C-alpha atoms as a PDB file:
ATOM      1  CA  MET A   1     190.949 109.897 -82.104  1.00  0.00           C
ATOM      2  CA  SER A   2     193.342 108.334 -79.873  1.00  0.00           C
ATOM      3  CA  GLU A   3     196.763 107.139 -80.795  1.00  0.00           C
ATOM      4  CA  ASP A   4     195.649 103.081 -80.446  1.00  0.00           C
ATOM      5  CA  GLU A   5     193.321 103.599 -83.480  1.00  0.00           C
ATOM      6  CA  ASP A   6     196.156 104.317 -85.618  1.00  0.00           C
ATOM      7  CA  ASP A   7     196.773 100.921 -86.183  1.00  0.00           C
ATOM      8  CA  ILE A   8     193.342  99.018 -86.398  1.00  0.00           C
ATOM      9  CA  ILE A   9     192.740  97.515 -89.241  1.00  0.00           C
ATOM     10  CA  LEU A  10     189.455  97.325 -90.169  1.00  0.00           C
ATOM     11  CA  SER A  11     189.265  94.015 -91.881  1.00  0.00           C
ATOM     12  CA  GLU A  12     190.768  92.490 -88.868  1.00  0.00           C
ATOM     13  CA  LEU A  13     187.486  93.471 -87.149  1.00  0.00           C
ATOM     14  CA  ASP A  14     184.564  91.315 -86.105  1.00  0.00           C
ATOM     15  CA  ASP A  15     181.136  92.871 -87.287  1.00  0.00           C
ATOM     16  CA  ASP A  16     180.403  94.217 -84.104  1.00  0.00           C
ATOM     17  CA  GLU A  17     183.538  95.669 -83.520  1.00  0.00           C
ATOM     18  CA  LEU A  18     183.732  97.178 -86.983  1.00  0.00           C
ATOM     19  CA  VAL A  19     180.159  98.771 -86.671  1.00  0.00           C
ATOM     20  CA  GLN A  20     181.316 100.324 -83.498  1.00  0.00           C
ATOM     21  CA  GLN A  21     184.536 101.599 -84.993  1.00  0.00           C
ATOM     22  CA  MET A  22     182.289 103.086 -88.039  1.00  0.00           C
ATOM     23  CA  PHE A  23     180.630 104.993 -85.447  1.00  0.00           C
ATOM     24  CA  ASP A  24     183.678 106.238 -84.192  1.00  0.00           C
ATOM     25  CA  ASP A  25     185.500 107.240 -87.379  1.00  0.00           C
ATOM     26  CA  LEU A  26     181.860 108.748 -88.383  1.00  0.00           C
ATOM     27  CA  TYR A  27     182.004 110.979 -85.349  1.00  0.00           C
ATOM     28  CA  ASP A  28     185.713 112.118 -86.386  1.00  0.00           C
ATOM     29  CA  GLY A  29     184.826 112.778 -90.143  1.00  0.00           C
ATOM     30  CA  LEU A  30     186.956 110.218 -91.556  1.00  0.00           C
ATOM     31  CA  ARG A  31     185.924 109.767 -95.187  1.00  0.00           C
ATOM     32  CA  ASP A  32     188.227 107.153 -96.269  1.00  0.00           C
ATOM     33  CA  GLU A  33     187.896 104.593 -93.088  1.00  0.00           C
ATOM     34  CA  ILE A  34     183.902 104.973 -93.856  1.00  0.00           C
ATOM     35  CA  GLU A  35     184.541 104.183 -97.244  1.00  0.00           C
ATOM     36  CA  GLU A  36     186.710 101.323 -96.521  1.00  0.00           C
ATOM     37  CA  GLY A  37     184.328  99.929 -93.669  1.00  0.00           C
ATOM     38  CA  VAL A  38     181.495 100.030 -96.249  1.00  0.00           C
ATOM     39  CA  ASN A  39     182.870  97.856 -98.967  1.00  0.00           C
ATOM     40  CA  ILE A  40     184.136  95.425 -95.890  1.00  0.00           C
ATOM     41  CA  LEU A  41     180.855  94.916 -94.885  1.00  0.00           C
ATOM     42  CA  LEU A  42     179.220  94.647 -98.036  1.00  0.00           C
ATOM     43  CA  ASP A  43     182.127  91.790 -99.176  1.00  0.00           C
ATOM     44  CA  ARG A  44     180.799  90.092 -96.045  1.00  0.00           C
ATOM     45  CA  GLY A  45     177.403  89.474 -97.550  1.00  0.00           C
ATOM     46  CA  TRP A  46     175.754  92.559 -95.762  1.00  0.00           C
ATOM     47  CA  ALA A  47     172.949  94.282 -97.795  1.00  0.00           C
ATOM     48  CA  PRO A  48     173.291  97.417 -98.646  1.00  0.00           C
ATOM     49  CA  TYR A  49     169.993  98.941 -96.582  1.00  0.00           C
ATOM     50  CA  ARG A  50     171.682  96.873 -93.578  1.00  0.00           C
ATOM     51  CA  VAL A  51     174.622  98.964 -94.018  1.00  0.00           C
ATOM     52  CA  LEU A  52     172.890 102.300 -94.279  1.00  0.00           C
ATOM     53  CA  THR A  53     171.196 101.591 -91.453  1.00  0.00           C
ATOM     54  CA  GLU A  54     172.849  99.977 -88.933  1.00  0.00           C
ATOM     55  CA  ALA A  55     176.278 101.426 -89.558  1.00  0.00           C
ATOM     56  CA  LEU A  56     175.769 104.751 -91.235  1.00  0.00           C
ATOM     57  CA  VAL A  57     172.352 105.712 -89.901  1.00  0.00           C
ATOM     58  CA  GLY A  58     173.320 104.512 -86.509  1.00  0.00           C
ATOM     59  CA  GLY A  59     176.762 106.699 -86.214  1.00  0.00           C
ATOM     60  CA  MET A  60     175.049 109.561 -87.494  1.00  0.00           C
ATOM     61  CA  THR A  61     172.087 109.572 -84.911  1.00  0.00           C
ATOM     62  CA  ILE A  62     175.089 109.793 -82.247  1.00  0.00           C
ATOM     63  CA  VAL A  63     176.431 112.965 -83.775  1.00  0.00           C
ATOM     64  CA  GLY A  64     173.239 114.344 -84.609  1.00  0.00           C
ATOM     65  CA  ASN A  65     172.245 113.922 -80.741  1.00  0.00           C
ATOM     66  CA  ASP A  66     175.680 115.622 -79.612  1.00  0.00           C
ATOM     67  CA  PHE A  67     174.936 118.394 -82.096  1.00  0.00           C
ATOM     68  CA  ARG A  68     171.591 118.776 -80.527  1.00  0.00           C
ATOM     69  CA  ASP A  69     172.886 118.773 -77.011  1.00  0.00           C
ATOM     70  CA  GLY A  70     175.604 120.979 -77.800  1.00  0.00           C
ATOM     71  CA  ILE A  71     178.612 118.669 -77.424  1.00  0.00           C
ATOM     72  CA  LEU A  72     179.677 118.894 -81.178  1.00  0.00           C
ATOM     73  CA  PHE A  73     179.321 122.031 -83.509  1.00  0.00           C
ATOM     74  CA  VAL A  74     178.860 122.722 -87.003  1.00  0.00           C
ATOM     75  CA  PRO A  75     182.388 122.327 -88.476  1.00  0.00           C
ATOM     76  CA  GLU A  76     182.520 118.670 -86.889  1.00  0.00           C
ATOM     77  CA  VAL A  77     179.002 117.831 -88.181  1.00  0.00           C
ATOM     78  CA  LEU A  78     179.999 118.744 -91.355  1.00  0.00           C
ATOM     79  CA  LEU A  79     183.005 116.910 -91.343  1.00  0.00           C
ATOM     80  CA  ALA A  80     181.054 113.845 -90.006  1.00  0.00           C
ATOM     81  CA  ALA A  81     178.571 114.670 -93.108  1.00  0.00           C
ATOM     82  CA  ASN A  82     181.069 114.304 -95.474  1.00  0.00           C
ATOM     83  CA  ALA A  83     182.473 110.637 -94.494  1.00  0.00           C
ATOM     84  CA  MET A  84     178.895 109.829 -94.611  1.00  0.00           C
ATOM     85  CA  LYS A  85     178.422 110.931 -97.842  1.00  0.00           C
ATOM     86  CA  GLY A  86     181.777 108.675 -98.984  1.00  0.00           C
ATOM     87  CA  GLY A  87     179.998 105.825 -97.780  1.00  0.00           C
ATOM     88  CA  MET A  88     176.273 106.631 -99.310  1.00  0.00           C
ATOM     89  CA  ALA A  89     178.317 107.427-102.720  1.00  0.00           C
ATOM     90  CA  ILE A  90     179.243 103.648-102.610  1.00  0.00           C
ATOM     91  CA  LEU A  91     175.368 102.318-101.493  1.00  0.00           C
ATOM     92  CA  LYS A  92     173.161 104.737-103.446  1.00  0.00           C
ATOM     93  CA  PRO A  93     173.348 102.667-106.669  1.00  0.00           C
ATOM     94  CA  LEU A  94     173.195  99.329-104.980  1.00  0.00           C
ATOM     95  CA  LEU A  95     170.212 100.622-103.037  1.00  0.00           C
ATOM     96  CA  ALA A  96     168.586 101.881-106.141  1.00  0.00           C
ATOM     97  CA  GLU A  97     169.013  98.253-107.669  1.00  0.00           C
ATOM     98  CA  THR A  98     167.727  96.522-104.504  1.00  0.00           C
ATOM     99  CA  GLY A  99     164.664  98.551-104.141  1.00  0.00           C
ATOM    100  CA  ALA A 100     165.385  99.560-100.473  1.00  0.00           C
ATOM    101  CA  PRO A 101     162.857 101.412 -98.568  1.00  0.00           C
ATOM    102  CA  ARG A 102     163.648 104.633 -97.423  1.00  0.00           C
ATOM    103  CA  MET A 103     162.847 106.913 -94.385  1.00  0.00           C
ATOM    104  CA  GLY A 104     161.248 109.423 -96.774  1.00  0.00           C
ATOM    105  CA  LYS A 105     161.965 112.312 -99.855  1.00  0.00           C
ATOM    106  CA  MET A 106     162.533 115.581 -99.497  1.00  0.00           C
ATOM    107  CA  VAL A 107     162.968 118.840-101.421  1.00  0.00           C
ATOM    108  CA  ILE A 108     165.103 121.345 -99.895  1.00  0.00           C
ATOM    109  CA  GLY A 109     165.916 124.703-100.970  1.00  0.00           C
ATOM    110  CA  THR A 110     167.094 128.874 -99.883  1.00  0.00           C
ATOM    111  CA  VAL A 111     164.403 130.773-100.850  1.00  0.00           C
ATOM    112  CA  LYS A 112     164.371 133.996-103.574  1.00  0.00           C
ATOM    113  CA  GLY A 113     166.514 136.550-102.711  1.00  0.00           C
ATOM    114  CA  ASP A 114     168.727 134.313-100.470  1.00  0.00           C
ATOM    115  CA  ILE A 115     172.245 133.030-101.434  1.00  0.00           C
ATOM    116  CA  HIS A 116     173.300 131.862 -97.540  1.00  0.00           C
ATOM    117  CA  ASP A 117     173.473 127.749 -97.466  1.00  0.00           C
ATOM    118  CA  ILE A 118     175.456 126.254 -94.679  1.00  0.00           C
ATOM    119  CA  GLY A 119     172.538 126.070 -92.555  1.00  0.00           C
ATOM    120  CA  LYS A 120     170.254 124.355 -95.418  1.00  0.00           C
ATOM    121  CA  ASN A 121     173.342 122.152 -96.432  1.00  0.00           C
ATOM    122  CA  LEU A 122     173.795 121.029 -93.253  1.00  0.00           C
ATOM    123  CA  VAL A 123     169.858 120.022 -93.134  1.00  0.00           C
ATOM    124  CA  SER A 124     170.349 118.147 -96.254  1.00  0.00           C
ATOM    125  CA  MET A 125     173.350 116.263 -94.801  1.00  0.00           C
ATOM    126  CA  MET A 126     171.773 115.691 -91.738  1.00  0.00           C
ATOM    127  CA  MET A 127     168.350 114.228 -93.449  1.00  0.00           C
ATOM    128  CA  GLU A 128     170.681 112.035 -95.792  1.00  0.00           C
ATOM    129  CA  GLY A 129     172.502 110.462 -92.811  1.00  0.00           C
ATOM    130  CA  ALA A 130     169.101 109.673 -91.419  1.00  0.00           C
ATOM    131  CA  GLY A 131     167.778 107.591 -94.525  1.00  0.00           C
ATOM    132  CA  PHE A 132     165.938 110.022 -96.158  1.00  0.00           C
ATOM    133  CA  GLU A 133     166.385 110.821-100.067  1.00  0.00           C
ATOM    134  CA  VAL A 134     167.247 114.592-100.144  1.00  0.00           C
ATOM    135  CA  VAL A 135     166.713 116.374-103.643  1.00  0.00           C
ATOM    136  CA  ASP A 136     168.593 120.135-102.716  1.00  0.00           C
ATOM    137  CA  LEU A 137     167.617 122.813-104.862  1.00  0.00           C
ATOM    138  CA  GLY A 138     170.493 125.200-103.668  1.00  0.00           C
ATOM    139  CA  ILE A 139     170.038 129.020-103.522  1.00  0.00           C
ATOM    140  CA  ASN A 140     168.158 131.792-104.246  1.00  0.00           C
ATOM    141  CA  ASN A 141     164.778 129.451-105.710  1.00  0.00           C
ATOM    142  CA  ALA A 142     161.673 131.091-106.913  1.00  0.00           C
ATOM    143  CA  VAL A 143     158.375 129.374-106.304  1.00  0.00           C
ATOM    144  CA  GLU A 144     158.309 128.516-109.635  1.00  0.00           C
ATOM    145  CA  SER A 145     161.502 126.563-108.666  1.00  0.00           C
ATOM    146  CA  TYR A 146     159.936 124.758-105.766  1.00  0.00           C
ATOM    147  CA  LEU A 147     156.779 124.012-107.684  1.00  0.00           C
ATOM    148  CA  GLU A 148     158.438 122.567-110.951  1.00  0.00           C
ATOM    149  CA  ALA A 149     160.760 120.323-107.948  1.00  0.00           C
ATOM    150  CA  LEU A 150     157.747 119.098-106.254  1.00  0.00           C
ATOM    151  CA  ALA A 151     156.113 117.877-109.243  1.00  0.00           C
ATOM    152  CA  ALA A 152     158.968 116.181-110.716  1.00  0.00           C
ATOM    153  CA  GLU A 153     160.185 115.038-107.263  1.00  0.00           C
ATOM    154  CA  GLN A 154     156.591 114.027-105.312  1.00  0.00           C
ATOM    155  CA  PRO A 155     158.203 114.115-101.921  1.00  0.00           C
ATOM    156  CA  ASP A 156     157.255 114.027 -98.793  1.00  0.00           C
ATOM    157  CA  ILE A 157     158.631 116.860 -97.362  1.00  0.00           C
ATOM    158  CA  LEU A 158     159.182 120.265 -98.618  1.00  0.00           C
ATOM    159  CA  GLY A 159     161.654 122.421 -96.834  1.00  0.00           C
ATOM    160  CA  MET A 160     162.327 126.026 -96.678  1.00  0.00           C
ATOM    161  CA  SER A 161     165.498 128.027 -95.501  1.00  0.00           C
ATOM    162  CA  ALA A 162     166.448 131.915 -94.933  1.00  0.00           C
ATOM    163  CA  LEU A 163     168.794 133.755 -93.227  1.00  0.00           C
ATOM    164  CA  LEU A 164     167.614 137.160 -93.931  1.00  0.00           C
ATOM    165  CA  THR A 165     164.684 139.185 -92.417  1.00  0.00           C
ATOM    166  CA  THR A 166     164.285 140.389 -96.015  1.00  0.00           C
ATOM    167  CA  THR A 167     163.743 136.994 -97.502  1.00  0.00           C
ATOM    168  CA  MET A 168     161.765 135.222 -94.861  1.00  0.00           C
ATOM    169  CA  PRO A 169     158.433 136.552 -96.222  1.00  0.00           C
ATOM    170  CA  TYR A 170     158.657 134.724 -99.487  1.00  0.00           C
ATOM    171  CA  MET A 171     158.042 131.309 -97.630  1.00  0.00           C
ATOM    172  CA  LYS A 172     154.927 132.431 -97.349  1.00  0.00           C
ATOM    173  CA  VAL A 173     154.585 133.130-100.819  1.00  0.00           C
ATOM    174  CA  VAL A 174     155.496 129.567-101.812  1.00  0.00           C
ATOM    175  CA  ILE A 175     152.904 128.268 -99.169  1.00  0.00           C
ATOM    176  CA  ASP A 176     150.221 130.469-100.400  1.00  0.00           C
ATOM    177  CA  THR A 177     151.024 129.074-103.984  1.00  0.00           C
ATOM    178  CA  LEU A 178     150.425 125.575-102.780  1.00  0.00           C
ATOM    179  CA  VAL A 179     147.050 126.620-101.071  1.00  0.00           C
ATOM    180  CA  ALA A 180     145.757 128.480-104.389  1.00  0.00           C
ATOM    181  CA  GLU A 181     146.951 125.113-105.992  1.00  0.00           C
ATOM    182  CA  GLY A 182     145.122 122.715-103.782  1.00  0.00           C
ATOM    183  CA  LYS A 183     148.482 121.425-103.301  1.00  0.00           C
ATOM    184  CA  ARG A 184     149.390 122.235 -99.763  1.00  0.00           C
ATOM    185  CA  ASP A 185     148.254 119.168 -98.146  1.00  0.00           C
ATOM    186  CA  ASP A 186     150.068 116.980-100.125  1.00  0.00           C
ATOM    187  CA  TYR A 187     153.442 117.996 -98.297  1.00  0.00           C
ATOM    188  CA  ILE A 188     155.005 118.541 -95.070  1.00  0.00           C
ATOM    189  CA  VAL A 189     156.523 122.057 -94.965  1.00  0.00           C
ATOM    190  CA  LEU A 190     159.504 122.352 -92.830  1.00  0.00           C
ATOM    191  CA  VAL A 191     160.736 125.884 -92.493  1.00  0.00           C
ATOM    192  CA  GLY A 192     164.284 126.923 -90.515  1.00  0.00           C
ATOM    193  CA  GLY A 193     166.797 129.604 -90.690  1.00  0.00           C
ATOM    194  CA  ALA A 194     168.044 132.068 -87.803  1.00  0.00           C
ATOM    195  CA  PRO A 195     165.788 134.825 -88.044  1.00  0.00           C
ATOM    196  CA  LEU A 196     162.704 132.746 -87.674  1.00  0.00           C
ATOM    197  CA  ASN A 197     160.926 131.009 -84.886  1.00  0.00           C
ATOM    198  CA  GLU A 198     157.950 129.075 -84.197  1.00  0.00           C
ATOM    199  CA  GLU A 199     155.624 131.731 -84.313  1.00  0.00           C
ATOM    200  CA  PHE A 200     156.632 133.023 -87.900  1.00  0.00           C
ATOM    201  CA  GLY A 201     156.486 129.410 -89.078  1.00  0.00           C
ATOM    202  CA  LYS A 202     152.622 129.177 -87.377  1.00  0.00           C
ATOM    203  CA  ALA A 203     151.708 132.339 -88.758  1.00  0.00           C
ATOM    204  CA  ILE A 204     153.116 131.287 -92.534  1.00  0.00           C
ATOM    205  CA  GLY A 205     151.325 128.422 -92.365  1.00  0.00           C
ATOM    206  CA  ALA A 206     153.932 125.878 -92.323  1.00  0.00           C
ATOM    207  CA  ASP A 207     153.729 122.568 -90.472  1.00  0.00           C
ATOM    208  CA  ALA A 208     156.689 123.174 -88.509  1.00  0.00           C
ATOM    209  CA  TYR A 209     159.614 125.389 -87.675  1.00  0.00           C
ATOM    210  CA  CYS A 210     162.886 123.542 -86.795  1.00  0.00           C
ATOM    211  CA  ARG A 211     165.642 125.584 -85.000  1.00  0.00           C
ATOM    212  CA  ASP A 212     168.705 123.302 -86.361  1.00  0.00           C
ATOM    213  CA  ALA A 213     169.732 120.275 -88.534  1.00  0.00           C
ATOM    214  CA  ALA A 214     169.195 117.619 -85.720  1.00  0.00           C
ATOM    215  CA  VAL A 215     165.493 119.011 -84.572  1.00  0.00           C
ATOM    216  CA  ALA A 216     164.701 119.181 -88.461  1.00  0.00           C
ATOM    217  CA  VAL A 217     165.581 115.334 -88.589  1.00  0.00           C
ATOM    218  CA  GLU A 218     163.439 114.882 -85.553  1.00  0.00           C
ATOM    219  CA  THR A 219     160.782 116.715 -86.605  1.00  0.00           C
ATOM    220  CA  ALA A 220     160.625 114.954 -90.361  1.00  0.00           C
ATOM    221  CA  LYS A 221     161.066 111.571 -88.726  1.00  0.00           C
ATOM    222  CA  SER A 222     157.923 112.262 -86.711  1.00  0.00           C
ATOM    223  CA  PHE A 223     155.500 113.964 -89.552  1.00  0.00           C
ATOM    224  CA  VAL A 224     156.238 111.228 -92.099  1.00  0.00           C
ATOM    225  CA  ALA A 225     155.661 108.452 -89.441  1.00  0.00           C
ATOM    226  CA  ARG A 226     152.365 110.149 -88.712  1.00  0.00           C
ATOM    227  CA  LYS A 227     151.471 111.096 -92.354  1.00  0.00           C
ATOM    228  CA  HIS A 228     152.106 107.138 -93.458  1.00  0.00           C
ATOM    229  CA  ASN A 229     149.877 106.056 -90.184  1.00  0.00           C
ATOM    230  CA  GLN A 230     146.910 107.881 -91.618  1.00  0.00           C
ATOM    231  CA  GLY A 231     143.930 106.167 -92.421  1.00  0.00           C
ATOM    232  CA  VAL A 232     145.260 102.815 -90.634  1.00  0.00           C
ATOM    233  CA  ALA A 233     142.864 101.036 -88.822  1.00  0.00           C
ATOM    234  CA  PRO A 234     143.646 101.101 -84.935  1.00  0.00           C
END
């Protein structure tokens, strides 16, 4: 953030300037400024969904692209995501009231035996930043936890994370259980974590392996769009 930006009064900017400034503030992880910007746009009559998509999702798309390209790193993305959460806290109840459309819904959790969550948390925040509703189950999830959440939440996507080679195989336990119960095709299954690779994802029956949070967002968007277009006449 430059010294000149310290003197910027957000309320004096026009809408386009304010959105551009919010992009910069998200990039810099400035939560207070993002919350102020959201409130200003709402006061100016912007619909909550427009604020979400144009200001917040638009800004996080830039963050996600630079993370993917190695320009930003995990600590910076976590700061940006925290700023995004500040804006989302204001918008969520308003979005619920207006019945605004969403990109899709994801249930995500680290598998049984694994207590690592930084990667999972980053995926959760980036997915929210892309307009998805995310239900985060936390760490050390047994197959029953996933099944209960899937039944209760009816998401489009199930995401599983693991950082230990010893816990990776548990992902297959969850997928095999879904197959046995005839529910596997109800969900897009995405897996990720440092020791995984594309071959492992295919071997256990996942739809895709995502090497990082930015790829997870792109993959989720692609699969959800495909899912919603199934059965539509050409």
